Amino acid sequence: MELPVEIIRTGSDQVSETGITRNISSGGILFVGEKPMEVDSPVEYVVTLASGNNGVVHLRCMGKVLRLETFPSEESEAPSVVVAVSLERYEFQRFKEKSLSHAEVA
């Protein structure tokens, strides 16, 4: 299932990286991004689950990086990074409008 994902924090560093999920389950996600992360480091991420007439639903998660693989990218010079991340804690966030950032919870 391909869903947008934003990496908010890795370790103690605040970041803003985006990617696309390849797989999602109750145990975590597998996603494709552009920047590698350190295995076993904590990570905070947001998966956008739905958008439409009722607004946007985000799944905000905390977990850790389980593994990663780097592959040449067909679309850019930077390699693609496939990352497996656990899902240890989560909360649903609902927004009334599509344009709200994840910090502006309805």
C-alpha atoms as a PDB file:
ATOM      1  CA  MET A   1       0.000   0.000   0.000  1.00  0.00           C
ATOM      2  CA  GLU A   2       1.554   3.268  -1.093  1.00  0.00           C
ATOM      3  CA  LEU A   3       0.902   6.126   1.319  1.00  0.00           C
ATOM      4  CA  PRO A   4       2.823   9.350   1.943  1.00  0.00           C
ATOM      5  CA  VAL A   5       5.099   9.278   4.993  1.00  0.00           C
ATOM      6  CA  GLU A   6       7.009  12.144   6.617  1.00  0.00           C
ATOM      7  CA  ILE A   7       9.949  11.510   8.929  1.00  0.00           C
ATOM      8  CA  ILE A   8       9.783  14.085  11.740  1.00  0.00           C
ATOM      9  CA  ARG A   9      12.678  13.029  13.954  1.00  0.00           C
ATOM     10  CA  THR A  10      15.547  10.545  13.833  1.00  0.00           C
ATOM     11  CA  GLY A  11      17.475  10.043  17.056  1.00  0.00           C
ATOM     12  CA  SER A  12      17.617  13.472  18.673  1.00  0.00           C
ATOM     13  CA  ASP A  13      17.651  15.338  15.333  1.00  0.00           C
ATOM     14  CA  GLN A  14      14.520  17.046  14.058  1.00  0.00           C
ATOM     15  CA  VAL A  15      14.187  16.464  10.301  1.00  0.00           C
ATOM     16  CA  SER A  16      11.600  16.771   7.568  1.00  0.00           C
ATOM     17  CA  GLU A  17      12.049  13.973   5.051  1.00  0.00           C
ATOM     18  CA  THR A  18       9.354  12.433   2.902  1.00  0.00           C
ATOM     19  CA  GLY A  19       8.828   9.018   1.388  1.00  0.00           C
ATOM     20  CA  ILE A  20       6.235   6.518   0.200  1.00  0.00           C
ATOM     21  CA  THR A  21       5.222   3.382   2.081  1.00  0.00           C
ATOM     22  CA  ARG A  22       5.622   0.021   0.346  1.00  0.00           C
ATOM     23  CA  ASN A  23       4.046  -1.961   3.174  1.00  0.00           C
ATOM     24  CA  ILE A  24       2.277  -1.100   6.420  1.00  0.00           C
ATOM     25  CA  SER A  25       1.169  -3.356   9.283  1.00  0.00           C
ATOM     26  CA  SER A  26       0.466  -3.247  13.006  1.00  0.00           C
ATOM     27  CA  GLY A  27       4.189  -3.890  13.570  1.00  0.00           C
ATOM     28  CA  GLY A  28       5.592  -1.081  11.426  1.00  0.00           C
ATOM     29  CA  ILE A  29       6.172   0.229   7.930  1.00  0.00           C
ATOM     30  CA  LEU A  30       8.492  -0.313   4.997  1.00  0.00           C
ATOM     31  CA  PHE A  31       9.050   2.870   3.001  1.00  0.00           C
ATOM     32  CA  VAL A  32      11.211   4.315   0.252  1.00  0.00           C
ATOM     33  CA  GLY A  33      13.005   7.605   0.882  1.00  0.00           C
ATOM     34  CA  GLU A  34      16.171   9.374  -0.181  1.00  0.00           C
ATOM     35  CA  LYS A  35      18.245   9.648   3.007  1.00  0.00           C
ATOM     36  CA  PRO A  36      19.704   6.771   5.029  1.00  0.00           C
ATOM     37  CA  MET A  37      19.048   6.472   8.763  1.00  0.00           C
ATOM     38  CA  GLU A  38      21.012   4.745  11.476  1.00  0.00           C
ATOM     39  CA  VAL A  39      19.789   1.217  12.293  1.00  0.00           C
ATOM     40  CA  ASP A  40      18.424   0.907  15.869  1.00  0.00           C
ATOM     41  CA  SER A  41      17.917   4.688  16.126  1.00  0.00           C
ATOM     42  CA  PRO A  42      14.560   6.007  17.353  1.00  0.00           C
ATOM     43  CA  VAL A  43      12.352   7.597  14.717  1.00  0.00           C
ATOM     44  CA  GLU A  44       9.138   9.615  14.710  1.00  0.00           C
ATOM     45  CA  TYR A  45       7.048   9.554  11.546  1.00  0.00           C
ATOM     46  CA  VAL A  46       3.623  10.495  10.203  1.00  0.00           C
ATOM     47  CA  VAL A  47       1.672   8.424   7.666  1.00  0.00           C
ATOM     48  CA  THR A  48      -1.192  10.162   5.838  1.00  0.00           C
ATOM     49  CA  LEU A  49      -4.022   7.627   5.791  1.00  0.00           C
ATOM     50  CA  ALA A  50      -6.936   9.479   4.245  1.00  0.00           C
ATOM     51  CA  SER A  51      -7.945  12.758   2.762  1.00  0.00           C
ATOM     52  CA  GLY A  52     -11.231  13.771   1.275  1.00  0.00           C
ATOM     53  CA  ASN A  53     -14.476  15.432   2.267  1.00  0.00           C
ATOM     54  CA  ASN A  54     -13.819  14.791   5.969  1.00  0.00           C
ATOM     55  CA  GLY A  55     -10.289  16.237   5.920  1.00  0.00           C
ATOM     56  CA  VAL A  56      -7.002  14.476   6.560  1.00  0.00           C
ATOM     57  CA  VAL A  57      -6.168  11.641   8.971  1.00  0.00           C
ATOM     58  CA  HIS A  58      -2.559  11.223  10.038  1.00  0.00           C
ATOM     59  CA  LEU A  59      -1.094   8.306  11.955  1.00  0.00           C
ATOM     60  CA  ARG A  60       1.724   9.770  14.075  1.00  0.00           C
ATOM     61  CA  CYS A  61       4.124   7.019  15.165  1.00  0.00           C
ATOM     62  CA  MET A  62       7.198   6.371  17.265  1.00  0.00           C
ATOM     63  CA  GLY A  63       9.446   3.410  16.556  1.00  0.00           C
ATOM     64  CA  LYS A  64      12.989   2.502  15.634  1.00  0.00           C
ATOM     65  CA  VAL A  65      14.865   1.794  12.428  1.00  0.00           C
ATOM     66  CA  LEU A  66      15.066  -1.977  11.975  1.00  0.00           C
ATOM     67  CA  ARG A  67      16.958  -2.205   8.669  1.00  0.00           C
ATOM     68  CA  LEU A  68      17.710  -0.330   5.470  1.00  0.00           C
ATOM     69  CA  GLU A  69      18.906  -1.032   1.957  1.00  0.00           C
ATOM     70  CA  THR A  70      20.241   1.429  -0.621  1.00  0.00           C
ATOM     71  CA  PHE A  71      19.436   1.093  -4.337  1.00  0.00           C
ATOM     72  CA  PRO A  72      20.292   3.193  -7.392  1.00  0.00           C
ATOM     73  CA  SER A  73      17.398   5.499  -8.238  1.00  0.00           C
ATOM     74  CA  GLU A  74      15.968   5.639 -11.748  1.00  0.00           C
ATOM     75  CA  GLU A  75      14.438   9.087 -11.159  1.00  0.00           C
ATOM     76  CA  SER A  76      17.332  11.041  -9.611  1.00  0.00           C
ATOM     77  CA  GLU A  77      21.065  10.954  -8.999  1.00  0.00           C
ATOM     78  CA  ALA A  78      20.549  10.277  -5.279  1.00  0.00           C
ATOM     79  CA  PRO A  79      20.089   6.606  -4.386  1.00  0.00           C
ATOM     80  CA  SER A  80      16.756   5.342  -3.065  1.00  0.00           C
ATOM     81  CA  VAL A  81      16.755   4.046   0.486  1.00  0.00           C
ATOM     82  CA  VAL A  82      14.297   1.354   1.573  1.00  0.00           C
ATOM     83  CA  VAL A  83      13.770   1.531   5.339  1.00  0.00           C
ATOM     84  CA  ALA A  84      11.923  -0.809   7.736  1.00  0.00           C
ATOM     85  CA  VAL A  85      10.692   1.001  10.855  1.00  0.00           C
ATOM     86  CA  SER A  86       8.862  -0.486  13.852  1.00  0.00           C
ATOM     87  CA  LEU A  87       5.593   0.925  15.181  1.00  0.00           C
ATOM     88  CA  GLU A  88       5.849   1.065  18.975  1.00  0.00           C
ATOM     89  CA  ARG A  89       3.481   3.943  19.829  1.00  0.00           C
ATOM     90  CA  TYR A  90       0.951   5.797  17.721  1.00  0.00           C
ATOM     91  CA  GLU A  91      -1.900   8.295  17.739  1.00  0.00           C
ATOM     92  CA  PHE A  92      -4.453   9.308  15.139  1.00  0.00           C
ATOM     93  CA  GLN A  93      -4.675  12.998  14.264  1.00  0.00           C
ATOM     94  CA  ARG A  94      -7.634  14.381  12.323  1.00  0.00           C
ATOM     95  CA  PHE A  95      -7.675  17.687  10.471  1.00  0.00           C
ATOM     96  CA  LYS A  96     -10.641  19.604   9.137  1.00  0.00           C
ATOM     97  CA  GLU A  97      -8.769  20.956   6.097  1.00  0.00           C
ATOM     98  CA  LYS A  98      -6.150  19.418   3.805  1.00  0.00           C
ATOM     99  CA  SER A  99      -3.779  22.359   4.105  1.00  0.00           C
ATOM    100  CA  LEU A 100      -3.160  22.117   7.860  1.00  0.00           C
ATOM    101  CA  SER A 101       0.256  21.024   9.049  1.00  0.00           C
ATOM    102  CA  HIS A 102       0.509  18.043  11.421  1.00  0.00           C
ATOM    103  CA  ALA A 103       1.082  20.472  14.314  1.00  0.00           C
ATOM    104  CA  GLU A 104      -2.425  21.971  13.970  1.00  0.00           C
ATOM    105  CA  VAL A 105      -4.673  19.210  15.270  1.00  0.00           C
ATOM    106  CA  ALA A 106      -8.442  19.739  15.028  1.00  0.00           C
END
